[in-house]
Amino acid sequence: MIGDGIPGIEIRDEAITLGQLLKLHGVAGTGAEAKDMLAAGVVTVNDVVETRRGAKIRPGDIVDAAGEVFSVVTRAD
């Protein structure tokens, strides 16, 4: 969790696509599920509805996927 109580999802690169992130976090089991969530408009990034599966998500971004809120953080190796 980060300082404000929001759980953090670690990524190893400087960015990840939103579709990959939704699968990594487990809110979407497949790419098709991620696509459906995005098409339904139930995913926001930094409080803005996002519909692009390929949108680049970077550390510090806050994602709300159908009520599941998490932050993206850089993995400390």
C-alpha atoms as a PDB file:
ATOM      1  CA  MET A   1       0.000   0.000   0.000  1.00  0.00           C
ATOM      2  CA  ILE A   2       1.071   3.522  -0.610  1.00  0.00           C
ATOM      3  CA  GLY A   3       0.830   6.311   1.932  1.00  0.00           C
ATOM      4  CA  ASP A   4      -2.844   7.099   1.337  1.00  0.00           C
ATOM      5  CA  GLY A   5      -3.989   3.508   1.891  1.00  0.00           C
ATOM      6  CA  ILE A   6      -4.401   2.632  -1.781  1.00  0.00           C
ATOM      7  CA  PRO A   7      -2.831  -0.729  -2.664  1.00  0.00           C
ATOM      8  CA  GLY A   8       0.080  -0.510  -5.086  1.00  0.00           C
ATOM      9  CA  ILE A   9       0.672  -2.724  -8.096  1.00  0.00           C
ATOM     10  CA  GLU A  10       4.353  -3.023  -8.953  1.00  0.00           C
ATOM     11  CA  ILE A  11       5.625  -2.841 -12.518  1.00  0.00           C
ATOM     12  CA  ARG A  12       9.220  -3.335 -13.616  1.00  0.00           C
ATOM     13  CA  ASP A  13       9.211  -1.064 -16.663  1.00  0.00           C
ATOM     14  CA  GLU A  14       8.522   2.660 -16.953  1.00  0.00           C
ATOM     15  CA  ALA A  15       5.011   1.975 -18.303  1.00  0.00           C
ATOM     16  CA  ILE A  16       2.483  -0.810 -18.884  1.00  0.00           C
ATOM     17  CA  THR A  17      -0.588  -0.916 -21.088  1.00  0.00           C
ATOM     18  CA  LEU A  18      -3.893  -0.624 -19.307  1.00  0.00           C
ATOM     19  CA  GLY A  19      -5.076  -3.985 -20.638  1.00  0.00           C
ATOM     20  CA  GLN A  20      -1.959  -5.711 -19.286  1.00  0.00           C
ATOM     21  CA  LEU A  21      -2.334  -3.937 -15.953  1.00  0.00           C
ATOM     22  CA  LEU A  22      -5.942  -5.039 -15.527  1.00  0.00           C
ATOM     23  CA  LYS A  23      -4.873  -8.645 -16.130  1.00  0.00           C
ATOM     24  CA  LEU A  24      -1.837  -8.303 -13.839  1.00  0.00           C
ATOM     25  CA  HIS A  25      -3.998  -7.004 -11.009  1.00  0.00           C
ATOM     26  CA  GLY A  26      -6.560  -9.742 -11.599  1.00  0.00           C
ATOM     27  CA  VAL A  27      -9.610  -7.552 -12.207  1.00  0.00           C
ATOM     28  CA  ALA A  28      -9.710  -8.952 -15.757  1.00  0.00           C
ATOM     29  CA  GLY A  29      -8.863 -12.584 -16.398  1.00  0.00           C
ATOM     30  CA  THR A  30      -8.316 -12.169 -20.129  1.00  0.00           C
ATOM     31  CA  GLY A  31      -7.670  -9.474 -22.683  1.00  0.00           C
ATOM     32  CA  ALA A  32     -11.277  -9.840 -23.837  1.00  0.00           C
ATOM     33  CA  GLU A  33     -12.531  -9.144 -20.303  1.00  0.00           C
ATOM     34  CA  ALA A  34     -10.295  -6.074 -20.103  1.00  0.00           C
ATOM     35  CA  LYS A  35     -11.624  -4.873 -23.461  1.00  0.00           C
ATOM     36  CA  ASP A  36     -15.223  -5.328 -22.270  1.00  0.00           C
ATOM     37  CA  MET A  37     -14.546  -3.408 -19.040  1.00  0.00           C
ATOM     38  CA  LEU A  38     -13.006  -0.541 -20.978  1.00  0.00           C
ATOM     39  CA  ALA A  39     -15.843  -0.481 -23.513  1.00  0.00           C
ATOM     40  CA  ALA A  40     -18.353  -0.326 -20.634  1.00  0.00           C
ATOM     41  CA  GLY A  41     -16.617   2.786 -19.284  1.00  0.00           C
ATOM     42  CA  VAL A  42     -16.008   1.325 -15.819  1.00  0.00           C
ATOM     43  CA  VAL A  43     -12.261   2.058 -15.748  1.00  0.00           C
ATOM     44  CA  THR A  44     -10.769   5.409 -14.808  1.00  0.00           C
ATOM     45  CA  VAL A  45      -7.155   6.529 -14.728  1.00  0.00           C
ATOM     46  CA  ASN A  46      -6.502   9.521 -12.502  1.00  0.00           C
ATOM     47  CA  ASP A  47     -10.283  10.150 -12.320  1.00  0.00           C
ATOM     48  CA  VAL A  48     -10.724  10.226 -16.120  1.00  0.00           C
ATOM     49  CA  VAL A  49     -12.662   7.456 -17.916  1.00  0.00           C
ATOM     50  CA  GLU A  50     -10.268   5.476 -20.102  1.00  0.00           C
ATOM     51  CA  THR A  51     -11.447   3.271 -22.970  1.00  0.00           C
ATOM     52  CA  ARG A  52      -8.120   2.486 -24.674  1.00  0.00           C
ATOM     53  CA  ARG A  53      -6.670  -0.932 -23.842  1.00  0.00           C
ATOM     54  CA  GLY A  54      -3.256   0.279 -25.054  1.00  0.00           C
ATOM     55  CA  ALA A  55      -3.200   3.420 -22.896  1.00  0.00           C
ATOM     56  CA  LYS A  56       0.195   3.728 -21.197  1.00  0.00           C
ATOM     57  CA  ILE A  57      -0.017   3.623 -17.409  1.00  0.00           C
ATOM     58  CA  ARG A  58       2.961   4.861 -15.417  1.00  0.00           C
ATOM     59  CA  PRO A  59       4.043   4.805 -11.774  1.00  0.00           C
ATOM     60  CA  GLY A  60       1.983   7.283  -9.791  1.00  0.00           C
ATOM     61  CA  ASP A  61      -1.198   6.718 -11.812  1.00  0.00           C
ATOM     62  CA  ILE A  62      -4.330   5.776  -9.857  1.00  0.00           C
ATOM     63  CA  VAL A  63      -6.627   3.243 -11.544  1.00  0.00           C
ATOM     64  CA  ASP A  64     -10.230   2.504 -10.590  1.00  0.00           C
ATOM     65  CA  ALA A  65     -11.482  -0.632 -12.316  1.00  0.00           C
ATOM     66  CA  ALA A  66     -15.159  -1.136 -11.451  1.00  0.00           C
ATOM     67  CA  GLY A  67     -14.564  -0.026  -7.861  1.00  0.00           C
ATOM     68  CA  GLU A  68     -11.190  -1.754  -7.415  1.00  0.00           C
ATOM     69  CA  VAL A  69      -8.800   1.148  -6.782  1.00  0.00           C
ATOM     70  CA  PHE A  70      -5.032   0.765  -6.949  1.00  0.00           C
ATOM     71  CA  SER A  71      -1.895   2.730  -7.688  1.00  0.00           C
ATOM     72  CA  VAL A  72       0.967   1.836  -9.996  1.00  0.00           C
ATOM     73  CA  VAL A  73       4.433   1.819  -8.412  1.00  0.00           C
ATOM     74  CA  THR A  74       7.920   0.975  -9.631  1.00  0.00           C
ATOM     75  CA  ARG A  75       9.184  -2.384  -8.447  1.00  0.00           C
ATOM     76  CA  ALA A  76      12.247  -2.058  -6.225  1.00  0.00           C
ATOM     77  CA  ASP A  77      14.709  -4.759  -7.329  1.00  0.00           C
END
